[in-house]
Amino acid sequence: MKKFFVENLKTLIFALIIAVFIRSIFIQPFYIPSSSMEPTLLVGDRLFVTKYSYGYSKHSFPFSPPIFSGRLFYNQPSRGDVVVFKTPSDNRTDYIKRLIGRPGDTIQFISGNLYLNGEEVFKNVINKNDISYCGNNKIKTITFEEKLENGKKFKTTYFKDYTLQDTDKFTVPQDHFFFLGDNRDCSKDSRFLSEVGYVHKNNLVGKAQFLFFSSDPRIGSIFEMWKWNKNLRIKRFFKKIR
């Protein structure tokens, strides 16, 4: 009997080591708890993030152990990437936002329009009468397709009254990045310097790649099988994140 428990304990420990290795080096699942990235990501989305995309820092590992400093095998992310990072305010909380500014870039909102390095980011209206969530509240919004100078396209949504119409000009420091939520008027991101601000490259966790599951927690739990016909978003399963 003792041998049985010892062998099973060894198997469990070995399985945990493998799981931590995969989670730290290759890929990690994340859950979306807020509406700040609508319409790209919805509350209840579950996605995979690749750890190797930008190299590795202490934040690549569970609990961010100080096993080394800096970043190993670093690859600079591209504008438009959807990135998971640790917030600079506590170096512990995971946020997911879209990377807009790289080191040396300037970012500013003027009359509700986004300017990158002095040039207005092109956006095309998709829906003038859309509805988006901000927390638990439904808000009337306008949905756009935006296009960055590198050709990256993605959807964004703005409140009809453009609540954050004008900002100061942000200049991204060396080795830092500037992030925005796609739900532009309902996102705590790099525009709020005391809460998020500029994100150091060492705080990058990984690149969001694709959804593997999605359900609407506002309708019901995934354990309530009798509600699956309403709360499961089948069309979002295995959807690539753009």
C-alpha atoms as a PDB file:
ATOM      1  CA  MET A   1       0.000   0.000   0.000  1.00  0.00           C
ATOM      2  CA  LYS A   2       2.831   2.425   0.873  1.00  0.00           C
ATOM      3  CA  LYS A   3       4.493   1.724  -2.459  1.00  0.00           C
ATOM      4  CA  PHE A   4       1.204   2.431  -4.240  1.00  0.00           C
ATOM      5  CA  PHE A   5       0.904   5.888  -2.655  1.00  0.00           C
ATOM      6  CA  VAL A   6       4.587   6.706  -3.282  1.00  0.00           C
ATOM      7  CA  GLU A   7       4.311   5.799  -6.959  1.00  0.00           C
ATOM      8  CA  ASN A   8       1.129   7.811  -7.389  1.00  0.00           C
ATOM      9  CA  LEU A   9       2.684  10.767  -5.610  1.00  0.00           C
ATOM     10  CA  LYS A  10       5.676  10.605  -7.956  1.00  0.00           C
ATOM     11  CA  THR A  11       3.336  10.510 -10.952  1.00  0.00           C
ATOM     12  CA  LEU A  12       1.402  13.529  -9.660  1.00  0.00           C
ATOM     13  CA  ILE A  13       4.576  15.540  -9.029  1.00  0.00           C
ATOM     14  CA  PHE A  14       5.924  14.641 -12.456  1.00  0.00           C
ATOM     15  CA  ALA A  15       2.626  15.700 -14.087  1.00  0.00           C
ATOM     16  CA  LEU A  16       2.692  19.017 -12.212  1.00  0.00           C
ATOM     17  CA  ILE A  17       6.262  19.694 -13.335  1.00  0.00           C
ATOM     18  CA  ILE A  18       5.294  19.041 -16.954  1.00  0.00           C
ATOM     19  CA  ALA A  19       2.210  21.284 -16.636  1.00  0.00           C
ATOM     20  CA  VAL A  20       4.244  24.160 -15.144  1.00  0.00           C
ATOM     21  CA  PHE A  21       6.882  23.724 -17.861  1.00  0.00           C
ATOM     22  CA  ILE A  22       4.312  23.887 -20.669  1.00  0.00           C
ATOM     23  CA  ARG A  23       2.487  26.796 -19.028  1.00  0.00           C
ATOM     24  CA  SER A  24       5.728  28.749 -18.540  1.00  0.00           C
ATOM     25  CA  ILE A  25       7.545  28.046 -21.792  1.00  0.00           C
ATOM     26  CA  PHE A  26       4.933  27.401 -24.447  1.00  0.00           C
ATOM     27  CA  ILE A  27       1.281  28.270 -23.911  1.00  0.00           C
ATOM     28  CA  GLN A  28      -1.094  29.386 -21.150  1.00  0.00           C
ATOM     29  CA  PRO A  29      -4.893  29.674 -21.008  1.00  0.00           C
ATOM     30  CA  PHE A  30      -6.557  32.902 -19.874  1.00  0.00           C
ATOM     31  CA  TYR A  31     -10.144  33.921 -19.089  1.00  0.00           C
ATOM     32  CA  ILE A  32     -11.635  37.297 -20.080  1.00  0.00           C
ATOM     33  CA  PRO A  33     -13.457  38.846 -17.075  1.00  0.00           C
ATOM     34  CA  SER A  34     -14.195  42.340 -18.437  1.00  0.00           C
ATOM     35  CA  SER A  35     -15.627  44.096 -21.482  1.00  0.00           C
ATOM     36  CA  SER A  36     -12.619  46.371 -22.113  1.00  0.00           C
ATOM     37  CA  MET A  37     -11.629  44.522 -25.300  1.00  0.00           C
ATOM     38  CA  GLU A  38     -15.042  44.325 -26.962  1.00  0.00           C
ATOM     39  CA  PRO A  39     -15.777  43.582 -29.742  1.00  0.00           C
ATOM     40  CA  THR A  40     -12.560  41.543 -30.158  1.00  0.00           C
ATOM     41  CA  LEU A  41     -12.842  39.731 -26.820  1.00  0.00           C
ATOM     42  CA  LEU A  42     -16.036  39.178 -24.844  1.00  0.00           C
ATOM     43  CA  VAL A  43     -16.601  38.447 -21.177  1.00  0.00           C
ATOM     44  CA  GLY A  44     -16.471  34.665 -20.865  1.00  0.00           C
ATOM     45  CA  ASP A  45     -13.976  34.099 -23.675  1.00  0.00           C
ATOM     46  CA  ARG A  46     -11.187  31.636 -22.932  1.00  0.00           C
ATOM     47  CA  LEU A  47      -8.039  31.931 -24.980  1.00  0.00           C
ATOM     48  CA  PHE A  48      -4.516  30.647 -25.390  1.00  0.00           C
ATOM     49  CA  VAL A  49      -1.476  32.925 -25.060  1.00  0.00           C
ATOM     50  CA  THR A  50       1.932  31.922 -26.414  1.00  0.00           C
ATOM     51  CA  LYS A  51       4.748  32.604 -23.955  1.00  0.00           C
ATOM     52  CA  TYR A  52       7.588  32.280 -26.463  1.00  0.00           C
ATOM     53  CA  SER A  53       6.365  35.077 -28.791  1.00  0.00           C
ATOM     54  CA  TYR A  54       8.284  37.877 -27.035  1.00  0.00           C
ATOM     55  CA  GLY A  55      10.843  35.850 -25.092  1.00  0.00           C
ATOM     56  CA  TYR A  56      10.848  35.217 -21.352  1.00  0.00           C
ATOM     57  CA  SER A  57      11.003  37.231 -18.146  1.00  0.00           C
ATOM     58  CA  LYS A  58      10.247  36.315 -14.544  1.00  0.00           C
ATOM     59  CA  HIS A  59       6.587  37.028 -15.345  1.00  0.00           C
ATOM     60  CA  SER A  60       6.569  34.059 -17.719  1.00  0.00           C
ATOM     61  CA  PHE A  61       6.501  31.794 -14.685  1.00  0.00           C
ATOM     62  CA  PRO A  62       3.800  31.262 -12.043  1.00  0.00           C
ATOM     63  CA  PHE A  63       4.055  33.805  -9.183  1.00  0.00           C
ATOM     64  CA  SER A  64       6.833  35.719 -11.054  1.00  0.00           C
ATOM     65  CA  PRO A  65       9.817  34.235  -9.174  1.00  0.00           C
ATOM     66  CA  PRO A  66      12.962  36.438  -9.320  1.00  0.00           C
ATOM     67  CA  ILE A  67      15.041  33.670 -10.911  1.00  0.00           C
ATOM     68  CA  PHE A  68      16.666  36.061 -13.412  1.00  0.00           C
ATOM     69  CA  SER A  69      16.477  39.714 -14.417  1.00  0.00           C
ATOM     70  CA  GLY A  70      15.639  41.247 -17.767  1.00  0.00           C
ATOM     71  CA  ARG A  71      14.211  39.344 -20.714  1.00  0.00           C
ATOM     72  CA  LEU A  72      15.681  36.343 -22.533  1.00  0.00           C
ATOM     73  CA  PHE A  73      15.282  35.657 -26.281  1.00  0.00           C
ATOM     74  CA  TYR A  74      13.456  38.966 -26.667  1.00  0.00           C
ATOM     75  CA  ASN A  75      11.393  39.680 -29.782  1.00  0.00           C
ATOM     76  CA  GLN A  76       9.736  43.082 -29.907  1.00  0.00           C
ATOM     77  CA  PRO A  77       5.949  42.875 -30.357  1.00  0.00           C
ATOM     78  CA  SER A  78       4.263  44.466 -33.354  1.00  0.00           C
ATOM     79  CA  ARG A  79       1.741  47.265 -33.341  1.00  0.00           C
ATOM     80  CA  GLY A  80      -1.722  45.805 -33.201  1.00  0.00           C
ATOM     81  CA  ASP A  81      -0.789  42.667 -31.261  1.00  0.00           C
ATOM     82  CA  VAL A  82      -3.200  41.647 -28.507  1.00  0.00           C
ATOM     83  CA  VAL A  83      -0.944  41.150 -25.496  1.00  0.00           C
ATOM     84  CA  VAL A  84      -1.230  39.882 -21.929  1.00  0.00           C
ATOM     85  CA  PHE A  85       0.980  41.824 -19.499  1.00  0.00           C
ATOM     86  CA  LYS A  86       1.445  42.430 -15.800  1.00  0.00           C
ATOM     87  CA  THR A  87       0.235  45.865 -14.728  1.00  0.00           C
ATOM     88  CA  PRO A  88       3.127  48.139 -13.691  1.00  0.00           C
ATOM     89  CA  SER A  89       1.188  49.297 -10.612  1.00  0.00           C
ATOM     90  CA  ASP A  90       1.536  45.943  -8.838  1.00  0.00           C
ATOM     91  CA  ASN A  91       3.506  43.636 -11.204  1.00  0.00           C
ATOM     92  CA  ARG A  92       0.947  40.960 -10.377  1.00  0.00           C
ATOM     93  CA  THR A  93      -2.390  41.579 -12.127  1.00  0.00           C
ATOM     94  CA  ASP A  94      -2.810  40.264 -15.674  1.00  0.00           C
ATOM     95  CA  TYR A  95      -4.273  42.682 -18.217  1.00  0.00           C
ATOM     96  CA  ILE A  96      -4.990  42.059 -21.895  1.00  0.00           C
ATOM     97  CA  LYS A  97      -4.985  44.992 -24.327  1.00  0.00           C
ATOM     98  CA  ARG A  98      -3.950  45.915 -27.856  1.00  0.00           C
ATOM     99  CA  LEU A  99      -0.447  47.299 -28.397  1.00  0.00           C
ATOM    100  CA  ILE A 100      -0.631  50.667 -30.127  1.00  0.00           C
ATOM    101  CA  GLY A 101       2.612  52.448 -29.271  1.00  0.00           C
ATOM    102  CA  ARG A 102       6.190  51.185 -29.343  1.00  0.00           C
ATOM    103  CA  PRO A 103       9.280  52.926 -27.916  1.00  0.00           C
ATOM    104  CA  GLY A 104       9.553  56.490 -29.233  1.00  0.00           C
ATOM    105  CA  ASP A 105       5.992  56.651 -30.592  1.00  0.00           C
ATOM    106  CA  THR A 106       3.584  59.467 -29.745  1.00  0.00           C
ATOM    107  CA  ILE A 107      -0.102  58.779 -29.131  1.00  0.00           C
ATOM    108  CA  GLN A 108      -2.928  61.272 -28.673  1.00  0.00           C
ATOM    109  CA  PHE A 109      -6.716  61.450 -28.922  1.00  0.00           C
ATOM    110  CA  ILE A 110      -8.036  64.606 -30.609  1.00  0.00           C
ATOM    111  CA  SER A 111     -11.817  65.079 -30.929  1.00  0.00           C
ATOM    112  CA  GLY A 112     -12.252  61.352 -30.324  1.00  0.00           C
ATOM    113  CA  ASN A 113      -9.819  60.353 -33.075  1.00  0.00           C
ATOM    114  CA  LEU A 114      -6.628  58.394 -32.431  1.00  0.00           C
ATOM    115  CA  TYR A 115      -3.357  59.910 -33.652  1.00  0.00           C
ATOM    116  CA  LEU A 116      -0.166  57.856 -33.881  1.00  0.00           C
ATOM    117  CA  ASN A 117       3.063  59.769 -34.491  1.00  0.00           C
ATOM    118  CA  GLY A 118       1.065  62.788 -35.606  1.00  0.00           C
ATOM    119  CA  GLU A 119      -1.025  60.884 -38.164  1.00  0.00           C
ATOM    120  CA  GLU A 120      -4.701  60.049 -37.643  1.00  0.00           C
ATOM    121  CA  VAL A 121      -5.345  56.318 -37.507  1.00  0.00           C
ATOM    122  CA  PHE A 122      -7.766  55.473 -40.303  1.00  0.00           C
ATOM    123  CA  LYS A 123     -11.076  54.034 -39.166  1.00  0.00           C
ATOM    124  CA  ASN A 124     -14.040  52.913 -41.221  1.00  0.00           C
ATOM    125  CA  VAL A 125     -17.585  52.806 -39.810  1.00  0.00           C
ATOM    126  CA  ILE A 126     -19.039  49.289 -39.587  1.00  0.00           C
ATOM    127  CA  ASN A 127     -22.122  49.946 -37.455  1.00  0.00           C
ATOM    128  CA  LYS A 128     -23.418  53.351 -36.322  1.00  0.00           C
ATOM    129  CA  ASN A 129     -26.048  51.833 -34.028  1.00  0.00           C
ATOM    130  CA  ASP A 130     -24.288  49.072 -32.138  1.00  0.00           C
ATOM    131  CA  ILE A 131     -24.663  47.977 -28.519  1.00  0.00           C
ATOM    132  CA  SER A 132     -21.662  47.142 -26.317  1.00  0.00           C
ATOM    133  CA  TYR A 133     -21.181  46.333 -22.670  1.00  0.00           C
ATOM    134  CA  CYS A 134     -19.379  48.527 -20.184  1.00  0.00           C
ATOM    135  CA  GLY A 135     -19.317  46.424 -17.063  1.00  0.00           C
ATOM    136  CA  ASN A 136     -22.891  45.170 -16.739  1.00  0.00           C
ATOM    137  CA  ASN A 137     -24.356  48.165 -18.572  1.00  0.00           C
ATOM    138  CA  LYS A 138     -25.402  48.123 -22.220  1.00  0.00           C
ATOM    139  CA  ILE A 139     -24.225  51.257 -24.024  1.00  0.00           C
ATOM    140  CA  LYS A 140     -25.058  52.612 -27.480  1.00  0.00           C
ATOM    141  CA  THR A 141     -21.851  52.581 -29.487  1.00  0.00           C
ATOM    142  CA  ILE A 142     -20.342  53.002 -32.944  1.00  0.00           C
ATOM    143  CA  THR A 143     -18.192  50.127 -34.213  1.00  0.00           C
ATOM    144  CA  PHE A 144     -15.265  50.840 -36.520  1.00  0.00           C
ATOM    145  CA  GLU A 145     -12.570  48.934 -38.327  1.00  0.00           C
ATOM    146  CA  GLU A 146      -9.254  50.615 -37.612  1.00  0.00           C
ATOM    147  CA  LYS A 147      -6.096  50.220 -39.679  1.00  0.00           C
ATOM    148  CA  LEU A 148      -2.583  50.896 -38.396  1.00  0.00           C
ATOM    149  CA  GLU A 149       0.291  51.997 -40.589  1.00  0.00           C
ATOM    150  CA  ASN A 150       1.669  48.440 -40.686  1.00  0.00           C
ATOM    151  CA  GLY A 151      -1.567  47.220 -42.283  1.00  0.00           C
ATOM    152  CA  LYS A 152      -2.980  45.624 -39.114  1.00  0.00           C
ATOM    153  CA  LYS A 153      -6.807  45.815 -39.058  1.00  0.00           C
ATOM    154  CA  PHE A 154      -9.134  45.267 -36.104  1.00  0.00           C
ATOM    155  CA  LYS A 155     -12.525  46.317 -34.771  1.00  0.00           C
ATOM    156  CA  THR A 156     -12.998  48.965 -32.097  1.00  0.00           C
ATOM    157  CA  THR A 157     -16.041  50.470 -30.456  1.00  0.00           C
ATOM    158  CA  TYR A 158     -16.659  54.007 -29.152  1.00  0.00           C
ATOM    159  CA  PHE A 159     -19.508  55.477 -27.147  1.00  0.00           C
ATOM    160  CA  LYS A 160     -21.670  57.671 -29.337  1.00  0.00           C
ATOM    161  CA  ASP A 161     -20.716  60.737 -27.274  1.00  0.00           C
ATOM    162  CA  TYR A 162     -16.970  59.878 -27.310  1.00  0.00           C
ATOM    163  CA  THR A 163     -16.504  60.329 -23.568  1.00  0.00           C
ATOM    164  CA  LEU A 164     -12.694  60.510 -23.846  1.00  0.00           C
ATOM    165  CA  GLN A 165     -12.421  62.946 -26.738  1.00  0.00           C
ATOM    166  CA  ASP A 166      -9.097  64.671 -26.029  1.00  0.00           C
ATOM    167  CA  THR A 167      -5.941  63.614 -24.204  1.00  0.00           C
ATOM    168  CA  ASP A 168      -2.448  64.862 -23.634  1.00  0.00           C
ATOM    169  CA  LYS A 169       0.220  63.646 -26.036  1.00  0.00           C
ATOM    170  CA  PHE A 170       1.839  60.451 -24.758  1.00  0.00           C
ATOM    171  CA  THR A 171       5.449  59.719 -25.711  1.00  0.00           C
ATOM    172  CA  VAL A 172       6.436  56.099 -25.155  1.00  0.00           C
ATOM    173  CA  PRO A 173       9.749  55.726 -23.253  1.00  0.00           C
ATOM    174  CA  GLN A 174      12.552  53.400 -24.272  1.00  0.00           C
ATOM    175  CA  ASP A 175      11.806  49.705 -23.574  1.00  0.00           C
ATOM    176  CA  HIS A 176       8.137  50.490 -22.889  1.00  0.00           C
ATOM    177  CA  PHE A 177       4.830  50.055 -24.733  1.00  0.00           C
ATOM    178  CA  PHE A 178       1.480  51.823 -24.897  1.00  0.00           C
ATOM    179  CA  PHE A 179      -1.722  49.754 -24.798  1.00  0.00           C
ATOM    180  CA  LEU A 180      -5.376  50.527 -25.522  1.00  0.00           C
ATOM    181  CA  GLY A 181      -8.549  48.517 -25.060  1.00  0.00           C
ATOM    182  CA  ASP A 182     -10.633  48.006 -28.192  1.00  0.00           C
ATOM    183  CA  ASN A 183     -13.676  49.173 -26.180  1.00  0.00           C
ATOM    184  CA  ARG A 184     -12.125  52.615 -26.219  1.00  0.00           C
ATOM    185  CA  ASP A 185     -14.440  54.488 -23.830  1.00  0.00           C
ATOM    186  CA  CYS A 186     -14.631  51.591 -21.366  1.00  0.00           C
ATOM    187  CA  SER A 187     -11.033  50.537 -20.786  1.00  0.00           C
ATOM    188  CA  LYS A 188      -8.438  51.264 -18.129  1.00  0.00           C
ATOM    189  CA  ASP A 189      -5.262  51.222 -20.197  1.00  0.00           C
ATOM    190  CA  SER A 190      -2.080  53.201 -20.838  1.00  0.00           C
ATOM    191  CA  ARG A 191      -4.009  56.477 -20.992  1.00  0.00           C
ATOM    192  CA  PHE A 192      -4.401  56.192 -17.210  1.00  0.00           C
ATOM    193  CA  LEU A 193      -0.830  56.662 -16.049  1.00  0.00           C
ATOM    194  CA  SER A 194      -1.454  56.057 -12.354  1.00  0.00           C
ATOM    195  CA  GLU A 195      -3.226  52.731 -12.949  1.00  0.00           C
ATOM    196  CA  VAL A 196      -1.568  51.260 -16.042  1.00  0.00           C
ATOM    197  CA  GLY A 197       0.569  53.751 -17.938  1.00  0.00           C
ATOM    198  CA  TYR A 198       3.554  52.698 -20.006  1.00  0.00           C
ATOM    199  CA  VAL A 199       4.352  48.990 -19.766  1.00  0.00           C
ATOM    200  CA  HIS A 200       7.975  47.832 -19.580  1.00  0.00           C
ATOM    201  CA  LYS A 201       9.023  45.027 -21.913  1.00  0.00           C
ATOM    202  CA  ASN A 202       9.795  42.826 -18.892  1.00  0.00           C
ATOM    203  CA  ASN A 203       6.106  42.940 -17.936  1.00  0.00           C
ATOM    204  CA  LEU A 204       4.987  41.271 -21.163  1.00  0.00           C
ATOM    205  CA  VAL A 205       3.523  37.803 -20.554  1.00  0.00           C
ATOM    206  CA  GLY A 206       2.649  36.663 -24.062  1.00  0.00           C
ATOM    207  CA  LYS A 207       0.690  37.093 -27.272  1.00  0.00           C
ATOM    208  CA  ALA A 208      -3.006  36.205 -27.472  1.00  0.00           C
ATOM    209  CA  GLN A 209      -3.433  33.759 -30.354  1.00  0.00           C
ATOM    210  CA  PHE A 210      -6.869  32.142 -30.475  1.00  0.00           C
ATOM    211  CA  LEU A 211     -10.043  31.414 -28.525  1.00  0.00           C
ATOM    212  CA  PHE A 212     -10.701  27.830 -27.568  1.00  0.00           C
ATOM    213  CA  PHE A 213     -14.008  28.284 -25.698  1.00  0.00           C
ATOM    214  CA  SER A 214     -16.584  30.986 -25.040  1.00  0.00           C
ATOM    215  CA  SER A 215     -19.725  31.260 -22.941  1.00  0.00           C
ATOM    216  CA  ASP A 216     -21.789  34.158 -21.653  1.00  0.00           C
ATOM    217  CA  PRO A 217     -21.673  34.187 -17.817  1.00  0.00           C
ATOM    218  CA  ARG A 218     -24.491  36.735 -17.784  1.00  0.00           C
ATOM    219  CA  ILE A 219     -26.840  34.003 -19.019  1.00  0.00           C
ATOM    220  CA  GLY A 220     -25.589  31.187 -16.830  1.00  0.00           C
ATOM    221  CA  SER A 221     -22.771  28.932 -15.710  1.00  0.00           C
ATOM    222  CA  ILE A 222     -21.212  26.438 -18.126  1.00  0.00           C
ATOM    223  CA  PHE A 223     -22.209  23.791 -15.582  1.00  0.00           C
ATOM    224  CA  GLU A 224     -25.883  24.563 -16.233  1.00  0.00           C
ATOM    225  CA  MET A 225     -26.212  22.298 -19.247  1.00  0.00           C
ATOM    226  CA  TRP A 226     -29.856  23.216 -19.817  1.00  0.00           C
ATOM    227  CA  LYS A 227     -28.668  26.754 -20.725  1.00  0.00           C
ATOM    228  CA  TRP A 228     -26.003  25.710 -23.226  1.00  0.00           C
ATOM    229  CA  ASN A 229     -28.218  26.563 -26.177  1.00  0.00           C
ATOM    230  CA  LYS A 230     -28.194  30.189 -24.984  1.00  0.00           C
ATOM    231  CA  ASN A 231     -24.864  30.826 -23.272  1.00  0.00           C
ATOM    232  CA  LEU A 232     -22.390  28.855 -25.404  1.00  0.00           C
ATOM    233  CA  ARG A 233     -20.911  30.933 -28.238  1.00  0.00           C
ATOM    234  CA  ILE A 234     -20.094  28.064 -30.587  1.00  0.00           C
ATOM    235  CA  LYS A 235     -19.042  30.364 -33.439  1.00  0.00           C
ATOM    236  CA  ARG A 236     -16.233  31.754 -31.285  1.00  0.00           C
ATOM    237  CA  PHE A 237     -14.665  28.355 -30.565  1.00  0.00           C
ATOM    238  CA  PHE A 238     -11.139  28.113 -32.042  1.00  0.00           C
ATOM    239  CA  LYS A 239     -11.356  31.616 -33.489  1.00  0.00           C
ATOM    240  CA  LYS A 240      -8.049  33.339 -34.248  1.00  0.00           C
ATOM    241  CA  ILE A 241      -7.544  36.649 -32.429  1.00  0.00           C
ATOM    242  CA  ARG A 242      -6.809  39.559 -34.773  1.00  0.00           C
END
